N, C-alpha and C. Protein backbone atom coordinates (compact mmCIF):
# COMPACT_ATOMS: atom_id res chain seq x y z
N MET A 1 141.80 119.30 49.60
CA MET A 1 141.51 119.08 51.01
C MET A 1 142.77 118.52 51.67
N LEU A 2 143.14 119.11 52.78
CA LEU A 2 144.31 118.69 53.54
C LEU A 2 143.87 117.96 54.80
N ILE A 3 144.32 116.75 54.98
CA ILE A 3 143.99 115.97 56.18
C ILE A 3 145.27 115.77 56.97
N VAL A 4 145.23 116.19 58.21
CA VAL A 4 146.40 116.07 59.08
C VAL A 4 146.07 115.11 60.21
N LYS A 5 146.90 114.09 60.38
CA LYS A 5 146.73 113.15 61.47
C LYS A 5 147.61 113.59 62.63
N VAL A 6 147.03 113.64 63.80
CA VAL A 6 147.78 114.02 64.99
C VAL A 6 147.77 112.84 65.94
N ASN A 7 148.95 112.41 66.34
CA ASN A 7 149.06 111.32 67.30
C ASN A 7 149.06 111.91 68.70
N ILE A 8 147.95 111.79 69.41
CA ILE A 8 147.84 112.37 70.74
C ILE A 8 148.54 111.49 71.78
N MET A 9 148.45 110.21 71.62
CA MET A 9 149.04 109.29 72.60
C MET A 9 150.52 109.08 72.30
N SER A 10 151.34 109.16 73.31
CA SER A 10 152.76 108.86 73.17
C SER A 10 152.96 107.36 73.32
N LYS A 11 154.03 106.88 72.77
CA LYS A 11 154.34 105.46 72.82
C LYS A 11 154.85 105.07 74.22
N THR A 12 154.27 104.03 74.78
CA THR A 12 154.71 103.51 76.07
C THR A 12 156.04 102.78 75.87
N ILE A 13 157.05 103.19 76.64
CA ILE A 13 158.36 102.57 76.48
C ILE A 13 158.70 101.58 77.61
N ASP A 14 158.01 101.69 78.73
CA ASP A 14 158.26 100.78 79.85
C ASP A 14 157.00 100.69 80.70
N LYS A 15 156.67 99.50 81.17
CA LYS A 15 155.46 99.31 81.97
C LYS A 15 155.72 98.27 83.05
N HIS A 16 155.20 98.55 84.25
CA HIS A 16 155.31 97.61 85.37
C HIS A 16 153.94 97.46 86.02
N ILE A 17 153.57 96.23 86.29
CA ILE A 17 152.30 95.95 86.95
C ILE A 17 152.58 95.76 88.43
N ILE A 18 152.01 96.64 89.25
CA ILE A 18 152.20 96.57 90.69
C ILE A 18 151.20 95.58 91.29
N SER A 19 149.95 95.70 90.85
CA SER A 19 148.90 94.76 91.25
C SER A 19 147.88 94.71 90.12
N ASP A 20 146.80 93.95 90.28
CA ASP A 20 145.80 93.84 89.23
C ASP A 20 145.17 95.19 88.88
N ASP A 21 145.14 96.10 89.85
CA ASP A 21 144.47 97.38 89.60
C ASP A 21 145.40 98.60 89.72
N ILE A 22 146.70 98.38 89.72
CA ILE A 22 147.67 99.49 89.73
C ILE A 22 148.83 99.14 88.78
N HIS A 23 149.05 100.01 87.80
CA HIS A 23 150.16 99.86 86.87
C HIS A 23 150.92 101.19 86.82
N ILE A 24 152.19 101.14 86.49
CA ILE A 24 152.92 102.37 86.19
C ILE A 24 153.58 102.19 84.83
N TYR A 25 153.69 103.29 84.11
CA TYR A 25 154.34 103.23 82.80
C TYR A 25 155.04 104.55 82.50
N LYS A 26 155.96 104.47 81.55
CA LYS A 26 156.70 105.65 81.11
C LYS A 26 156.49 105.78 79.61
N VAL A 27 156.25 107.00 79.16
CA VAL A 27 156.05 107.25 77.74
C VAL A 27 157.30 107.86 77.13
N ALA A 28 157.39 107.78 75.82
CA ALA A 28 158.60 108.18 75.10
C ALA A 28 159.00 109.63 75.30
N ASN A 29 158.04 110.52 75.46
CA ASN A 29 158.37 111.94 75.54
C ASN A 29 158.49 112.45 76.98
N SER A 30 158.68 111.56 77.95
CA SER A 30 158.75 111.97 79.35
C SER A 30 159.78 111.15 80.11
N THR A 31 160.33 111.76 81.15
CA THR A 31 161.26 111.04 82.02
C THR A 31 160.56 110.60 83.30
N ARG A 32 159.31 110.94 83.45
CA ARG A 32 158.56 110.65 84.68
C ARG A 32 157.59 109.49 84.46
N TRP A 33 157.27 108.80 85.55
CA TRP A 33 156.37 107.66 85.52
C TRP A 33 154.92 108.11 85.68
N VAL A 34 154.01 107.42 85.01
CA VAL A 34 152.58 107.69 85.11
C VAL A 34 151.92 106.49 85.80
N ALA A 35 151.04 106.78 86.75
CA ALA A 35 150.30 105.72 87.44
C ALA A 35 148.95 105.54 86.75
N ARG A 36 148.54 104.31 86.58
CA ARG A 36 147.22 104.00 86.06
C ARG A 36 146.60 103.06 87.06
N PHE A 37 145.47 103.48 87.65
CA PHE A 37 144.86 102.67 88.70
C PHE A 37 143.36 102.64 88.54
N LYS A 38 142.77 101.63 89.15
CA LYS A 38 141.34 101.39 89.02
C LYS A 38 140.62 101.83 90.29
N ILE A 39 139.56 102.62 90.10
CA ILE A 39 138.67 103.03 91.19
C ILE A 39 137.28 102.55 90.79
N GLY A 40 136.76 101.56 91.48
CA GLY A 40 135.49 100.97 91.08
C GLY A 40 135.67 100.27 89.75
N SER A 41 134.92 100.70 88.74
CA SER A 41 135.05 100.11 87.41
C SER A 41 135.77 101.04 86.44
N GLN A 42 136.23 102.18 86.94
CA GLN A 42 136.89 103.19 86.10
C GLN A 42 138.41 103.16 86.27
N TRP A 43 139.14 103.32 85.16
CA TRP A 43 140.60 103.44 85.20
C TRP A 43 140.96 104.91 85.13
N LEU A 44 141.92 105.32 85.93
CA LEU A 44 142.38 106.70 85.98
C LEU A 44 143.89 106.72 85.77
N ALA A 45 144.40 107.73 85.11
CA ALA A 45 145.84 107.88 84.93
C ALA A 45 146.27 109.23 85.49
N LYS A 46 147.28 109.22 86.33
CA LYS A 46 147.82 110.44 86.94
C LYS A 46 149.34 110.32 86.94
N THR A 47 150.01 111.45 86.75
CA THR A 47 151.47 111.42 86.81
C THR A 47 151.92 111.25 88.26
N THR A 48 152.99 110.48 88.43
CA THR A 48 153.55 110.32 89.77
C THR A 48 154.55 111.44 90.07
N LYS A 49 155.02 112.12 89.04
CA LYS A 49 156.05 113.17 89.13
C LYS A 49 157.38 112.60 89.64
N GLU A 50 157.53 111.31 89.50
CA GLU A 50 158.76 110.64 89.97
C GLU A 50 159.56 110.11 88.78
N ARG A 51 160.89 110.15 88.91
CA ARG A 51 161.77 109.60 87.88
C ARG A 51 162.32 108.23 88.28
N ILE A 52 162.32 107.96 89.56
CA ILE A 52 162.86 106.70 90.08
C ILE A 52 161.71 105.71 90.26
N ILE A 53 161.87 104.51 89.73
CA ILE A 53 160.78 103.53 89.69
C ILE A 53 160.28 103.14 91.09
N SER A 54 161.17 102.98 92.05
CA SER A 54 160.74 102.58 93.39
C SER A 54 159.86 103.65 94.03
N LYS A 55 160.21 104.92 93.82
CA LYS A 55 159.39 106.02 94.34
C LYS A 55 158.07 106.11 93.58
N ALA A 56 158.11 105.83 92.28
CA ALA A 56 156.89 105.89 91.46
C ALA A 56 155.89 104.81 91.89
N LYS A 57 156.38 103.62 92.26
CA LYS A 57 155.49 102.56 92.72
C LYS A 57 154.77 102.97 94.01
N ILE A 58 155.51 103.55 94.93
CA ILE A 58 154.92 104.01 96.19
C ILE A 58 153.90 105.10 95.92
N LYS A 59 154.25 106.05 95.06
CA LYS A 59 153.36 107.16 94.73
C LYS A 59 152.07 106.65 94.06
N ALA A 60 152.17 105.64 93.21
CA ALA A 60 150.99 105.09 92.54
C ALA A 60 150.02 104.51 93.55
N ILE A 61 150.54 103.80 94.53
CA ILE A 61 149.68 103.24 95.59
C ILE A 61 149.04 104.35 96.40
N GLN A 62 149.82 105.40 96.69
CA GLN A 62 149.28 106.55 97.43
C GLN A 62 148.19 107.26 96.64
N LEU A 63 148.39 107.43 95.34
CA LEU A 63 147.39 108.09 94.50
C LEU A 63 146.07 107.32 94.49
N GLN A 64 146.17 105.99 94.36
CA GLN A 64 144.94 105.20 94.36
C GLN A 64 144.22 105.33 95.70
N SER A 65 144.96 105.26 96.79
CA SER A 65 144.36 105.40 98.12
C SER A 65 143.71 106.77 98.29
N GLU A 66 144.40 107.81 97.80
CA GLU A 66 143.88 109.17 97.89
C GLU A 66 142.55 109.31 97.14
N TYR A 67 142.48 108.76 95.94
CA TYR A 67 141.25 108.86 95.15
C TYR A 67 140.13 108.02 95.74
N LYS A 68 140.46 106.87 96.30
CA LYS A 68 139.43 106.06 96.98
C LYS A 68 138.86 106.84 98.16
N MET A 69 139.71 107.53 98.90
CA MET A 69 139.28 108.33 100.05
C MET A 69 138.39 109.49 99.59
N LYS A 70 138.78 110.16 98.52
CA LYS A 70 137.99 111.27 98.00
C LYS A 70 136.60 110.81 97.58
N ILE A 71 136.53 109.68 96.92
CA ILE A 71 135.23 109.15 96.48
C ILE A 71 134.38 108.77 97.70
N ALA A 72 135.00 108.14 98.68
CA ALA A 72 134.27 107.71 99.88
C ALA A 72 133.70 108.89 100.66
N HIS A 73 134.40 110.03 100.62
CA HIS A 73 133.96 111.20 101.39
C HIS A 73 133.37 112.30 100.52
N ASP A 74 132.95 111.94 99.30
CA ASP A 74 132.28 112.86 98.37
C ASP A 74 133.07 114.13 98.09
N LYS A 75 134.38 114.01 98.01
CA LYS A 75 135.21 115.15 97.61
C LYS A 75 135.18 115.22 96.09
N PRO A 76 135.03 116.41 95.51
CA PRO A 76 134.94 116.50 94.05
C PRO A 76 136.23 116.08 93.36
N THR A 77 136.10 115.23 92.38
CA THR A 77 137.23 114.80 91.56
C THR A 77 136.76 114.71 90.12
N VAL A 78 137.69 114.64 89.21
CA VAL A 78 137.35 114.47 87.80
C VAL A 78 136.64 113.14 87.61
N LEU A 79 137.06 112.12 88.33
CA LEU A 79 136.43 110.81 88.22
C LEU A 79 134.95 110.88 88.58
N MET A 80 134.62 111.60 89.65
CA MET A 80 133.21 111.71 90.05
C MET A 80 132.41 112.41 88.95
N TYR A 81 133.01 113.42 88.31
CA TYR A 81 132.35 114.12 87.22
C TYR A 81 132.10 113.17 86.06
N LEU A 82 133.09 112.35 85.73
CA LEU A 82 132.94 111.40 84.63
C LEU A 82 131.86 110.36 84.93
N ILE A 83 131.80 109.88 86.17
CA ILE A 83 130.79 108.90 86.55
C ILE A 83 129.40 109.52 86.43
N LYS A 84 129.23 110.77 86.87
CA LYS A 84 127.94 111.44 86.78
C LYS A 84 127.54 111.63 85.32
N CYS A 85 128.48 111.95 84.45
CA CYS A 85 128.18 112.14 83.03
C CYS A 85 127.75 110.84 82.36
N THR A 86 128.36 109.74 82.74
CA THR A 86 128.00 108.46 82.13
C THR A 86 126.65 107.96 82.60
N ARG A 87 126.18 108.45 83.73
CA ARG A 87 124.88 108.02 84.25
C ARG A 87 123.72 108.80 83.64
N LEU A 88 124.00 109.92 82.97
CA LEU A 88 122.94 110.74 82.39
C LEU A 88 122.24 110.07 81.24
């Protein structure tokens, strides 16, 4: 029997906390920053597509605002799908 372990998660090499509910981080296999932000009680991670930290911080705040707006106006998002699945 052959067992193969696959590491799906990349190692975080740099992380900055913008606020209690918005963080950005960079992983070892990428040059771009990833935003991690909280919507309600759920954490979401989206790429900022930015290489410069100052632009990535602004984009992270914009992404959180965008997702809050989508939830408030019942626009379909992956987060809404996940919330519906957890309520079943």
